[in-house]
Amino acid sequence: MEKLLEEFPIDFPGRMKMIQDNATNEEDKTYMVATSKADYVLRIALQMVNSKSKRNSNPLLPQDSSTPVNLQRQHRVAGHNNGLVIMQPHHKQASDGMVMTKDDAGHMLDQGSSINTRNGSIDRISNLPNELLYAIMSTLPALELVYTGMLSTRWRHLWTSSAYLNIDVNQFGRHRGQKFCNFVNRMLRQRGSSLLDALRLHSADTRDAGSWITYAIKRSSKVVEFSEDIDCEPFKLDYGVVDFTSICLKFLVLNNVCIDANVFYPINSSCPALENLELRDCSLEVPEISSGSLLHLDIDNCCLFEDLLISSSSLMSLCIKNPQHRAPMIMTLPCLEVAIVILDEFFHSTDDLADMDEGEEQDGEEINHGIVSGLTKARSIELIAPLREDKFEMEIWTSPMFDNLISLTLGEWCMSNEFSPLLHFLWYSPLLEDLTLKLNMEVCEYCLQEPPTAPPLVKEFTADYLKKITIYFWLGDERVSKLLTLLAPICKSLEDIKLIPSTPPGVRAFVSRVQRIIK
């Protein structure tokens, strides 16, 4: 322990006093309102649930309730106090059968419990079950987790069995270099072969980060989140150092990394439990994402340096935001329910970076996939792009029917050629109920230079199930009135139309300058 903490010349006495004081204050508040030993343990568990709910986006914590089931059944809700549920027991006897007595303040204590004191404070936390202590430790960053080993003899090695590690280079201030690296390496060595449930790792140009990821994978971690500091170059996940092969991994998040086909291969073929994959601000040299177990895939602001095909047939949700250089290709996904594809004004479909056209032959076999055509089974689709976007336009005119589509959100691109893309989408979506148009995007000047593609004629049709239309638009956009006039005879079952105007950015900037001059 001492060697581990020597890596950081921090004011340990001051830090430890702060931790002890905070722990004492929080625990005393819980104890003051507890009516029995069982109630006290339950309140500690409820605090963990409350703490977990505040970080509900953090998959480090398990999703099951930390509240013991038997305690839930033995108590009824009597009211609230300081955000904690006040639980009243049906009997004055603890659930474990121990006789309870009141202290001087009128609180319930079991007669057989040993009460430790330190600096005049009663130590009740150390008497909690290990499971609750581990739950408490799971909320602590790595540095504070190690500090707990100095709280008492019992806690000296308890932290090494914590199943959750949250390692953040930003917590170490100016010690972000070799000392941070040494600290983490020693901490992991001291943990030994203890299993992990989750690792969250945020580093900054740390060469050993790849081996730390592999450490978590080899210890059966179900959740691995790795992010390289955004101010650093993408962290290269080296083949031979990082190995994602795991029968336990369910949730994988990678931020600001460079990953190639060799490193990515086990994610497709050797992670049978993988359900969630998030790639953010990454550089991808990956030809295909084909995991057979994957349910949710997010690709956000990633550079695609080669054609990427998404073919995971089990996918239920797909989110692709602002891909750089090129857009991925999507095979028909039979289980897909929700799909989001957003191309910003910086995305350009240039000839040298364009994806393969639909029907192109590859290795002697005809392929049939693009972006829109792979989403035909979805119940909810959002396709956002500035005016104009050939990728979407060409596919919508040749794609099959969207027989399951209930909710549709489209961007500026659907307004080109006298609303032709929008009309085709409505034509191909016979069960559509909810339509949202986001017409308040910046126009892509590059796309406007391209000549419009002549669309096929749209036959007369009616959107029999369409009940709601929501339109976001810039003030003064004359297209909105024309669009409503066009849709009136088509949407005969329409029940609700919402028009949500906003001020164009140029006007807002002009108004701000005028206001500054006036002041």
Protein backbone atom coordinates (compact mmCIF):
# COMPACT_ATOMS: atom_id res chain seq x y z
CA MET A 1 0.00 0.00 0.00
CA GLU A 2 2.71 2.45 0.98
CA LYS A 3 4.68 1.83 -2.22
CA LEU A 4 1.55 2.27 -4.27
CA LEU A 5 0.70 5.62 -2.69
CA GLU A 6 4.31 6.82 -2.83
CA GLU A 7 3.80 7.42 -6.54
CA PHE A 8 1.88 10.57 -5.65
CA PRO A 9 3.30 13.04 -3.11
CA ILE A 10 -0.18 14.26 -2.12
CA ASP A 11 -1.17 15.48 1.34
CA PHE A 12 -2.41 12.08 2.52
CA PRO A 13 -3.37 13.14 6.10
CA GLY A 14 -5.49 16.00 4.79
CA ARG A 15 -7.02 13.84 2.08
CA MET A 16 -7.80 11.03 4.50
CA LYS A 17 -9.33 13.41 7.05
CA MET A 18 -11.59 14.81 4.32
CA ILE A 19 -12.72 11.31 3.28
CA GLN A 20 -13.31 10.25 6.87
CA ASP A 21 -15.25 13.42 7.70
CA ASN A 22 -17.45 13.10 4.62
CA ALA A 23 -18.12 9.42 5.30
CA THR A 24 -18.91 10.11 8.95
CA ASN A 25 -21.33 12.94 8.15
CA GLU A 26 -23.23 10.96 5.53
CA GLU A 27 -23.40 7.85 7.68
CA ASP A 28 -24.55 9.81 10.75
CA LYS A 29 -27.43 11.31 8.75
CA THR A 30 -28.52 7.82 7.78
CA TYR A 31 -28.19 6.48 11.31
CA MET A 32 -30.16 9.34 12.86
CA VAL A 33 -33.33 8.46 10.96
CA ALA A 34 -32.97 4.67 11.10
CA THR A 35 -35.44 2.82 13.32
CA SER A 36 -33.76 -0.60 13.39
CA LYS A 37 -30.69 -2.44 12.27
CA ALA A 38 -32.56 -3.74 9.23
CA ASP A 39 -33.76 -0.22 8.47
CA TYR A 40 -30.19 1.08 8.78
CA VAL A 41 -28.83 -1.51 6.33
CA LEU A 42 -31.72 -0.81 3.98
CA ARG A 43 -31.03 2.93 4.04
CA ILE A 44 -27.39 2.36 3.13
CA ALA A 45 -28.56 0.20 0.22
CA LEU A 46 -31.07 2.86 -0.85
CA GLN A 47 -28.32 5.47 -0.83
CA MET A 48 -26.38 3.27 -3.24
CA VAL A 49 -29.44 2.95 -5.50
CA ASN A 50 -29.95 6.73 -5.39
CA SER A 51 -26.30 7.33 -6.18
CA LYS A 52 -26.51 4.88 -9.05
CA SER A 53 -29.63 6.52 -10.48
CA LYS A 54 -27.82 9.86 -10.69
CA ARG A 55 -25.29 8.17 -12.92
CA ASN A 56 -27.81 6.12 -14.91
CA SER A 57 -25.80 6.66 -18.08
CA ASN A 58 -22.80 4.96 -16.45
CA PRO A 59 -22.77 1.24 -17.28
CA LEU A 60 -20.09 0.64 -14.64
CA LEU A 61 -22.77 -0.12 -12.09
CA PRO A 62 -25.03 -3.16 -12.34
CA GLN A 63 -28.60 -2.47 -13.35
CA ASP A 64 -30.19 -4.65 -10.66
CA SER A 65 -31.47 -2.96 -7.52
CA SER A 66 -29.07 -2.99 -4.59
CA THR A 67 -31.98 -3.18 -2.14
CA PRO A 68 -32.25 -6.62 -0.48
CA VAL A 69 -35.51 -8.26 -1.49
CA ASN A 70 -36.29 -9.56 1.98
CA LEU A 71 -35.89 -6.09 3.47
CA GLN A 72 -38.17 -4.60 0.85
CA ARG A 73 -40.92 -6.98 1.93
CA GLN A 74 -40.47 -6.27 5.64
CA HIS A 75 -40.90 -2.51 5.39
CA ARG A 76 -43.52 -0.08 4.23
CA VAL A 77 -43.05 3.49 3.05
CA ALA A 78 -43.98 6.01 5.75
CA GLY A 79 -42.70 9.25 4.24
CA HIS A 80 -39.63 11.09 3.02
CA ASN A 81 -36.82 12.92 4.77
CA ASN A 82 -33.95 14.64 2.97
CA GLY A 83 -34.54 12.58 -0.15
CA LEU A 84 -34.29 9.27 1.74
CA VAL A 85 -37.30 7.01 2.04
CA ILE A 86 -38.25 6.55 5.71
CA MET A 87 -39.06 2.90 6.26
CA GLN A 88 -41.11 1.72 9.23
CA PRO A 89 -40.75 -1.93 10.27
CA HIS A 90 -43.83 -3.97 11.14
CA HIS A 91 -42.09 -5.32 14.24
CA LYS A 92 -39.48 -4.12 16.68
CA GLN A 93 -37.31 -7.12 15.97
CA ALA A 94 -34.63 -7.14 13.29
CA SER A 95 -35.06 -9.44 10.32
CA ASP A 96 -32.17 -11.59 11.51
CA GLY A 97 -33.93 -12.26 14.81
CA MET A 98 -31.57 -10.16 16.95
CA VAL A 99 -33.14 -8.25 19.84
CA MET A 100 -33.00 -4.49 19.33
CA THR A 101 -32.51 -1.87 22.07
CA LYS A 102 -32.61 1.91 21.97
CA ASP A 103 -29.59 4.10 22.57
CA ASP A 104 -29.72 7.42 24.42
CA ALA A 105 -31.08 9.15 21.34
CA GLY A 106 -33.88 6.64 20.96
CA HIS A 107 -32.40 4.78 17.99
CA MET A 108 -32.56 1.03 17.60
CA LEU A 109 -29.35 -0.99 18.10
CA ASP A 110 -28.78 -4.71 18.29
CA GLN A 111 -27.39 -5.79 21.65
CA GLY A 112 -24.85 -8.12 20.17
CA SER A 113 -23.15 -5.68 17.81
CA SER A 114 -19.68 -4.33 18.47
CA ILE A 115 -19.36 -0.58 18.09
CA ASN A 116 -15.96 0.70 16.99
CA THR A 117 -15.00 4.24 17.81
CA ARG A 118 -12.42 6.48 16.24
CA ASN A 119 -11.95 10.11 17.12
CA GLY A 120 -15.26 10.03 18.97
CA SER A 121 -17.22 8.75 15.95
CA ILE A 122 -19.10 5.48 15.89
CA ASP A 123 -17.90 3.18 13.10
CA ARG A 124 -20.96 1.39 11.79
CA ILE A 125 -19.87 1.19 8.15
CA SER A 126 -17.19 -1.40 8.94
CA ASN A 127 -19.91 -3.70 10.31
CA LEU A 128 -21.81 -3.68 7.03
CA PRO A 129 -21.77 -6.80 4.83
CA ASN A 130 -18.95 -7.01 2.30
CA GLU A 131 -21.46 -6.79 -0.54
CA LEU A 132 -22.54 -3.32 0.56
CA LEU A 133 -18.95 -2.23 1.13
CA TYR A 134 -18.09 -3.31 -2.41
CA ALA A 135 -21.13 -1.37 -3.66
CA ILE A 136 -19.83 1.73 -1.87
CA MET A 137 -16.37 1.22 -3.34
CA SER A 138 -17.81 0.83 -6.83
CA THR A 139 -18.69 4.54 -6.80
CA LEU A 140 -15.13 5.68 -6.05
CA PRO A 141 -12.48 6.77 -8.56
CA ALA A 142 -9.33 4.63 -8.52
CA LEU A 143 -7.25 6.97 -6.37
CA GLU A 144 -9.91 7.25 -3.67
CA LEU A 145 -10.52 3.52 -3.91
CA VAL A 146 -6.90 2.87 -2.97
CA TYR A 147 -7.15 5.42 -0.15
CA THR A 148 -9.79 3.26 1.54
CA GLY A 149 -7.03 0.80 2.38
CA MET A 150 -5.81 3.31 4.97
CA LEU A 151 -9.14 3.65 6.78
CA SER A 152 -8.85 0.52 8.90
CA THR A 153 -7.09 -2.83 9.13
CA ARG A 154 -10.14 -4.59 7.70
CA TRP A 155 -10.18 -2.27 4.69
CA ARG A 156 -6.45 -2.59 3.96
CA HIS A 157 -6.89 -5.15 1.19
CA LEU A 158 -10.65 -4.97 0.73
CA TRP A 159 -10.34 -2.58 -2.22
CA THR A 160 -8.39 -5.17 -4.23
CA SER A 161 -11.59 -7.21 -4.55
CA SER A 162 -13.70 -4.34 -5.87
CA ALA A 163 -15.22 -5.40 -9.18
CA TYR A 164 -15.39 -1.85 -10.57
CA LEU A 165 -12.42 0.31 -11.58
CA ASN A 166 -12.77 3.94 -12.62
CA ILE A 167 -9.34 5.20 -13.66
CA ASP A 168 -9.23 8.82 -14.82
CA VAL A 169 -5.97 10.58 -15.63
CA ASN A 170 -7.59 13.94 -14.89
CA GLN A 171 -7.87 13.01 -11.22
CA PHE A 172 -4.08 13.04 -10.94
CA GLY A 173 -3.55 16.69 -11.82
CA ARG A 174 0.04 17.45 -12.73
CA HIS A 175 1.03 13.81 -12.16
CA ARG A 176 -0.35 12.75 -15.56
CA GLY A 177 2.85 11.20 -16.88
CA GLN A 178 5.02 8.34 -15.74
CA LYS A 179 3.81 8.47 -12.13
CA PHE A 180 0.22 7.97 -13.24
CA CYS A 181 1.34 5.01 -15.34
CA ASN A 182 3.31 3.52 -12.43
CA PHE A 183 0.39 3.97 -10.05
CA VAL A 184 -2.06 2.12 -12.31
CA ASN A 185 0.40 -0.69 -13.05
CA ARG A 186 1.05 -1.24 -9.34
CA MET A 187 -2.64 -1.07 -8.53
CA LEU A 188 -3.46 -3.74 -11.10
CA ARG A 189 -0.59 -5.95 -9.92
CA GLN A 190 -1.86 -5.68 -6.36
CA ARG A 191 -5.36 -6.71 -7.52
CA GLY A 192 -3.82 -9.83 -8.98
CA SER A 193 -6.31 -12.20 -10.56
CA SER A 194 -9.42 -10.73 -8.89
CA LEU A 195 -12.30 -10.67 -11.37
CA LEU A 196 -13.70 -7.43 -12.76
CA ASP A 197 -17.23 -6.48 -13.72
CA ALA A 198 -16.40 -3.12 -15.30
CA LEU A 199 -13.48 -0.89 -16.23
CA ARG A 200 -13.76 2.78 -17.10
CA LEU A 201 -10.41 4.16 -18.25
CA HIS A 202 -9.60 7.71 -19.36
CA SER A 203 -5.97 8.27 -20.31
CA ALA A 204 -3.82 10.86 -22.02
CA ASP A 205 -0.98 9.61 -24.20
CA THR A 206 -0.25 6.69 -21.85
CA ARG A 207 1.57 3.88 -23.61
CA ASP A 208 0.36 1.16 -21.21
CA ALA A 209 -3.35 1.88 -21.70
CA GLY A 210 -3.67 -0.97 -24.21
CA SER A 211 -2.38 -3.53 -21.72
CA TRP A 212 -4.81 -2.20 -19.08
CA ILE A 213 -7.71 -2.85 -21.45
CA THR A 214 -6.48 -6.41 -21.98
CA TYR A 215 -6.14 -6.81 -18.19
CA ALA A 216 -9.86 -6.08 -17.80
CA ILE A 217 -10.83 -8.37 -20.68
CA LYS A 218 -8.83 -11.29 -19.24
CA ARG A 219 -10.53 -10.84 -15.87
CA SER A 220 -13.98 -11.35 -17.34
CA SER A 221 -15.07 -7.71 -17.34
CA LYS A 222 -18.59 -7.29 -18.71
CA VAL A 223 -18.12 -3.56 -19.35
CA VAL A 224 -15.07 -1.84 -20.83
CA GLU A 225 -15.02 1.90 -21.50
CA PHE A 226 -11.83 3.46 -22.82
CA SER A 227 -11.38 7.08 -23.82
CA GLU A 228 -8.24 8.88 -24.89
CA ASP A 229 -8.15 12.55 -23.97
CA ILE A 230 -9.67 14.58 -26.80
CA ASP A 231 -6.62 16.89 -26.84
CA CYS A 232 -4.39 13.93 -27.72
CA GLU A 233 -3.97 12.10 -31.01
CA PRO A 234 -6.15 9.00 -31.39
CA PHE A 235 -4.70 6.19 -29.28
CA LYS A 236 -3.48 3.32 -31.44
CA LEU A 237 -4.83 -0.03 -30.27
CA ASP A 238 -1.92 -2.27 -31.22
CA TYR A 239 -2.46 -5.80 -32.44
CA GLY A 240 -0.79 -8.20 -30.03
CA VAL A 241 -1.21 -5.81 -27.10
CA VAL A 242 -4.99 -5.36 -27.12
CA ASP A 243 -7.08 -8.51 -27.38
CA PHE A 244 -10.86 -8.19 -27.13
CA THR A 245 -11.49 -11.95 -27.11
CA SER A 246 -14.00 -12.53 -24.30
CA ILE A 247 -17.03 -14.68 -23.54
CA CYS A 248 -18.17 -12.16 -20.89
CA LEU A 249 -17.88 -8.74 -22.56
CA LYS A 250 -21.33 -7.17 -23.05
CA PHE A 251 -20.70 -3.42 -23.29
CA LEU A 252 -17.74 -1.86 -25.15
CA VAL A 253 -17.14 1.88 -25.55
CA LEU A 254 -14.10 3.28 -27.40
CA ASN A 255 -13.40 7.02 -27.64
CA ASN A 256 -10.65 8.65 -29.72
CA VAL A 257 -8.83 5.48 -30.71
CA CYS A 258 -7.36 4.17 -33.94
CA ILE A 259 -8.42 0.60 -34.60
CA ASP A 260 -7.66 -1.65 -37.56
CA ALA A 261 -9.14 -4.88 -38.88
CA ASN A 262 -6.77 -7.15 -36.94
CA VAL A 263 -7.68 -5.67 -33.56
CA PHE A 264 -11.37 -5.45 -34.44
CA TYR A 265 -11.66 -9.04 -35.67
CA PRO A 266 -12.27 -10.60 -32.20
CA ILE A 267 -15.09 -8.10 -31.60
CA ASN A 268 -16.89 -9.65 -34.57
CA SER A 269 -15.99 -13.28 -34.00
CA SER A 270 -14.94 -13.90 -30.38
CA CYS A 271 -17.32 -11.86 -28.20
CA PRO A 272 -20.51 -13.98 -28.12
CA ALA A 273 -22.08 -11.92 -25.31
CA LEU A 274 -21.43 -8.46 -26.80
CA GLU A 275 -24.65 -6.43 -26.99
CA ASN A 276 -23.60 -2.76 -26.98
CA LEU A 277 -20.82 -1.18 -29.04
CA GLU A 278 -20.08 2.56 -29.08
CA LEU A 279 -17.36 4.11 -31.25
CA ARG A 280 -16.85 7.85 -30.80
CA ASP A 281 -14.27 10.14 -32.44
CA CYS A 282 -12.41 7.06 -33.67
CA SER A 283 -10.28 6.38 -36.75
CA LEU A 284 -11.56 3.15 -38.26
CA GLU A 285 -9.76 0.91 -40.73
CA VAL A 286 -12.39 -1.78 -40.39
CA PRO A 287 -14.11 -3.43 -43.37
CA GLU A 288 -17.12 -4.87 -41.53
CA ILE A 289 -19.08 -4.93 -38.28
CA SER A 290 -20.74 -8.34 -38.25
CA SER A 291 -21.10 -9.45 -34.62
CA GLY A 292 -23.96 -11.92 -34.37
CA SER A 293 -24.90 -10.91 -30.82
CA LEU A 294 -24.78 -7.12 -31.18
CA LEU A 295 -28.04 -5.34 -30.31
CA HIS A 296 -27.06 -1.65 -30.19
CA LEU A 297 -24.43 0.12 -32.29
CA ASP A 298 -23.39 3.79 -32.09
CA ILE A 299 -20.84 5.32 -34.47
CA ASP A 300 -20.32 8.99 -33.70
CA ASN A 301 -17.96 11.38 -35.54
CA CYS A 302 -15.64 8.61 -36.71
CA CYS A 303 -13.25 8.75 -39.67
CA LEU A 304 -13.81 5.84 -42.04
CA PHE A 305 -10.61 5.20 -43.95
CA GLU A 306 -12.11 2.34 -45.96
CA ASP A 307 -15.57 1.13 -46.90
CA LEU A 308 -17.38 -0.13 -43.79
CA LEU A 309 -20.22 -2.63 -44.07
CA ILE A 310 -22.64 -3.06 -41.16
CA SER A 311 -24.13 -6.55 -41.32
CA SER A 312 -24.94 -7.54 -37.72
CA SER A 313 -28.28 -9.23 -38.27
CA SER A 314 -29.29 -9.02 -34.59
CA LEU A 315 -29.10 -5.21 -34.40
CA MET A 316 -32.14 -3.55 -32.83
CA SER A 317 -30.87 0.04 -32.79
CA LEU A 318 -28.35 1.79 -35.01
CA CYS A 319 -27.04 5.34 -34.66
CA ILE A 320 -24.57 6.86 -37.14
CA LYS A 321 -23.68 10.51 -36.59
CA ASN A 322 -21.43 12.67 -38.73
CA PRO A 323 -19.12 10.07 -40.31
CA GLN A 324 -16.02 11.57 -41.88
CA HIS A 325 -14.72 10.81 -45.41
CA ARG A 326 -17.53 8.38 -46.25
CA ALA A 327 -20.70 6.84 -44.89
CA PRO A 328 -20.94 3.17 -43.94
CA MET A 329 -22.96 0.73 -45.99
CA ILE A 330 -25.80 -1.12 -44.29
CA MET A 331 -27.14 -4.52 -45.21
CA THR A 332 -30.80 -5.20 -44.55
CA LEU A 333 -31.12 -5.64 -40.78
CA PRO A 334 -34.16 -7.85 -40.06
CA CYS A 335 -34.41 -7.05 -36.31
CA LEU A 336 -33.88 -3.30 -36.58
CA GLU A 337 -36.37 -1.11 -34.72
CA VAL A 338 -34.68 2.30 -34.41
CA ALA A 339 -32.25 3.86 -36.90
CA ILE A 340 -30.60 7.29 -36.84
CA VAL A 341 -28.28 8.54 -39.60
CA ILE A 342 -27.04 12.14 -39.43
CA LEU A 343 -24.74 13.68 -42.05
CA ASP A 344 -23.64 17.23 -41.30
CA GLU A 345 -22.72 19.97 -43.77
CA PHE A 346 -19.07 18.87 -43.73
CA PHE A 347 -19.86 15.46 -45.17
CA HIS A 348 -19.13 15.26 -48.90
CA SER A 349 -19.91 12.35 -51.20
CA THR A 350 -16.93 12.87 -53.49
CA ASP A 351 -16.16 10.39 -56.23
CA ASP A 352 -12.84 9.25 -54.76
CA LEU A 353 -14.42 8.51 -51.36
CA ALA A 354 -17.89 7.37 -52.41
CA ASP A 355 -19.22 4.02 -51.30
CA MET A 356 -19.87 1.25 -53.79
CA ASP A 357 -23.07 1.80 -55.74
CA GLU A 358 -26.03 -0.44 -55.19
CA GLY A 359 -25.78 -3.57 -57.32
CA GLU A 360 -21.99 -3.31 -57.76
CA GLU A 361 -20.13 -6.59 -57.95
CA GLN A 362 -17.53 -7.52 -55.34
CA ASP A 363 -15.42 -10.66 -55.66
CA GLY A 364 -17.72 -11.88 -58.40
CA GLU A 365 -20.88 -11.61 -56.28
CA GLU A 366 -23.58 -8.99 -56.67
CA ILE A 367 -24.16 -6.95 -53.53
CA ASN A 368 -27.26 -4.97 -52.72
CA HIS A 369 -26.85 -2.50 -49.87
CA GLY A 370 -26.45 1.19 -49.18
CA ILE A 371 -27.62 3.38 -46.32
CA VAL A 372 -31.37 3.82 -46.63
CA SER A 373 -32.05 0.44 -48.23
CA GLY A 374 -30.66 -1.35 -45.17
CA LEU A 375 -33.21 0.30 -42.86
CA THR A 376 -36.42 -0.98 -44.44
CA LYS A 377 -37.40 -3.14 -41.43
CA ALA A 378 -37.16 -0.32 -38.86
CA ARG A 379 -40.15 1.09 -36.99
CA SER A 380 -38.50 4.47 -36.38
CA ILE A 381 -36.07 6.22 -38.75
CA GLU A 382 -34.27 9.56 -38.55
CA LEU A 383 -32.36 10.69 -41.64
CA ILE A 384 -30.80 14.12 -41.24
CA ALA A 385 -28.65 15.82 -43.88
CA PRO A 386 -28.36 19.32 -45.36
CA LEU A 387 -29.78 20.23 -48.74
CA ARG A 388 -28.91 18.25 -50.91
CA GLU A 389 -27.76 14.67 -50.23
CA ASP A 390 -27.46 12.34 -53.22
CA LYS A 391 -26.85 9.28 -51.06
CA PHE A 392 -30.31 9.44 -49.56
CA GLU A 393 -32.08 10.66 -52.70
CA MET A 394 -30.84 7.93 -55.02
CA GLU A 395 -31.67 5.14 -52.60
CA ILE A 396 -35.15 6.26 -51.65
CA TRP A 397 -36.20 6.07 -55.30
CA THR A 398 -35.07 2.45 -55.64
CA SER A 399 -35.58 1.05 -52.13
CA PRO A 400 -38.32 -1.45 -51.25
CA MET A 401 -41.28 -0.61 -49.04
CA PHE A 402 -40.88 0.48 -45.41
CA ASP A 403 -43.69 -1.78 -44.23
CA ASN A 404 -42.97 -1.42 -40.49
CA LEU A 405 -42.23 2.30 -40.37
CA ILE A 406 -44.33 4.22 -37.81
CA SER A 407 -42.19 7.28 -37.01
CA LEU A 408 -40.06 9.24 -39.51
CA THR A 409 -37.77 12.26 -39.06
CA LEU A 410 -36.15 13.91 -42.10
CA GLY A 411 -33.81 16.85 -42.62
CA GLU A 412 -33.33 19.48 -45.32
CA TRP A 413 -32.40 16.93 -47.97
CA CYS A 414 -36.02 15.80 -48.37
CA MET A 415 -37.05 19.26 -49.69
CA SER A 416 -35.04 19.20 -52.92
CA ASN A 417 -36.63 18.81 -56.36
CA GLU A 418 -39.98 20.22 -55.22
CA PHE A 419 -40.21 17.90 -52.17
CA SER A 420 -39.69 14.81 -54.31
CA PRO A 421 -37.64 12.80 -51.72
CA LEU A 422 -40.27 13.46 -49.06
CA LEU A 423 -43.12 12.36 -51.30
CA HIS A 424 -41.31 9.17 -52.25
CA PHE A 425 -40.68 8.34 -48.59
CA LEU A 426 -44.36 8.85 -47.79
CA TRP A 427 -45.28 6.71 -50.75
CA TYR A 428 -43.05 3.84 -49.56
CA SER A 429 -44.27 4.03 -45.91
CA PRO A 430 -47.92 2.94 -45.89
CA LEU A 431 -48.21 2.66 -42.06
CA LEU A 432 -46.50 5.95 -41.16
CA GLU A 433 -48.19 7.77 -38.26
CA ASP A 434 -45.72 10.46 -37.13
CA LEU A 435 -43.67 12.72 -39.44
CA THR A 436 -41.08 15.27 -38.23
CA LEU A 437 -39.22 17.64 -40.57
CA LYS A 438 -36.13 19.49 -39.37
CA LEU A 439 -35.68 22.30 -41.89
CA ASN A 440 -33.47 24.52 -39.74
CA MET A 441 -30.08 23.13 -40.79
CA GLU A 442 -27.23 24.99 -42.42
CA VAL A 443 -27.20 24.48 -46.19
CA CYS A 444 -24.24 22.55 -47.62
CA GLU A 445 -22.79 24.76 -50.37
CA TYR A 446 -20.90 21.80 -51.85
CA CYS A 447 -24.11 19.81 -52.30
CA LEU A 448 -25.91 22.74 -53.91
CA GLN A 449 -23.31 22.81 -56.69
CA GLU A 450 -24.32 19.32 -57.81
CA PRO A 451 -27.02 19.18 -60.50
CA PRO A 452 -30.31 17.76 -59.20
CA THR A 453 -31.04 14.16 -60.05
CA ALA A 454 -34.23 13.74 -62.05
CA PRO A 455 -36.62 11.78 -59.81
CA PRO A 456 -39.15 9.28 -61.11
CA LEU A 457 -42.75 10.38 -61.14
CA VAL A 458 -44.80 9.87 -57.98
CA LYS A 459 -48.17 8.27 -58.48
CA GLU A 460 -51.17 9.66 -56.70
CA PHE A 461 -51.44 8.23 -53.19
CA THR A 462 -52.77 8.98 -49.71
CA ALA A 463 -51.04 8.62 -46.34
CA ASP A 464 -53.98 6.99 -44.61
CA TYR A 465 -52.34 6.47 -41.21
CA LEU A 466 -50.43 9.75 -40.91
CA LYS A 467 -51.87 11.59 -37.89
CA LYS A 468 -49.16 13.99 -36.73
CA ILE A 469 -46.72 16.34 -38.49
CA THR A 470 -44.10 18.48 -36.73
CA ILE A 471 -42.02 21.00 -38.70
CA TYR A 472 -38.97 22.89 -37.37
CA PHE A 473 -38.09 25.77 -39.71
CA TRP A 474 -36.42 29.17 -39.99
CA LEU A 475 -38.65 32.21 -39.80
CA GLY A 476 -39.46 33.40 -43.32
CA ASP A 477 -39.08 29.98 -44.96
CA GLU A 478 -41.69 30.14 -47.75
CA ARG A 479 -41.38 26.41 -48.44
CA VAL A 480 -43.46 25.56 -45.37
CA SER A 481 -46.73 26.99 -46.73
CA LYS A 482 -46.12 25.32 -50.09
CA LEU A 483 -45.45 22.01 -48.35
CA LEU A 484 -48.63 22.17 -46.28
CA THR A 485 -50.65 22.93 -49.40
CA LEU A 486 -49.10 19.92 -51.12
CA LEU A 487 -49.74 17.56 -48.17
CA ALA A 488 -53.34 18.60 -47.55
CA PRO A 489 -54.96 16.23 -50.10
CA ILE A 490 -52.51 13.41 -49.24
CA CYS A 491 -52.84 13.39 -45.43
CA LYS A 492 -56.59 13.04 -45.02
CA SER A 493 -56.37 11.48 -41.53
CA LEU A 494 -54.15 14.21 -40.11
CA GLU A 495 -55.05 15.19 -36.52
CA ASP A 496 -52.19 17.42 -35.37
CA ILE A 497 -49.78 19.85 -37.09
CA LYS A 498 -47.08 21.64 -35.07
CA LEU A 499 -45.04 24.46 -36.62
CA ILE A 500 -41.97 25.40 -34.56
CA PRO A 501 -40.14 28.43 -36.00
CA SER A 502 -36.67 29.65 -35.01
CA THR A 503 -34.50 32.62 -35.91
CA PRO A 504 -31.80 32.00 -38.56
CA PRO A 505 -28.21 32.20 -37.23
CA GLY A 506 -27.38 35.20 -39.44
CA VAL A 507 -30.32 37.17 -38.08
CA ARG A 508 -29.43 36.26 -34.49
CA ALA A 509 -25.85 37.46 -35.02
CA PHE A 510 -27.07 40.72 -36.56
CA VAL A 511 -29.48 41.35 -33.67
CA SER A 512 -26.70 40.67 -31.16
CA ARG A 513 -24.41 43.21 -32.86
CA VAL A 514 -27.18 45.84 -32.89
CA GLN A 515 -27.88 45.25 -29.20
CA ARG A 516 -24.21 45.67 -28.33
CA ILE A 517 -24.06 48.94 -30.29
CA ILE A 518 -27.18 50.27 -28.54
CA LYS A 519 -25.75 49.43 -25.12
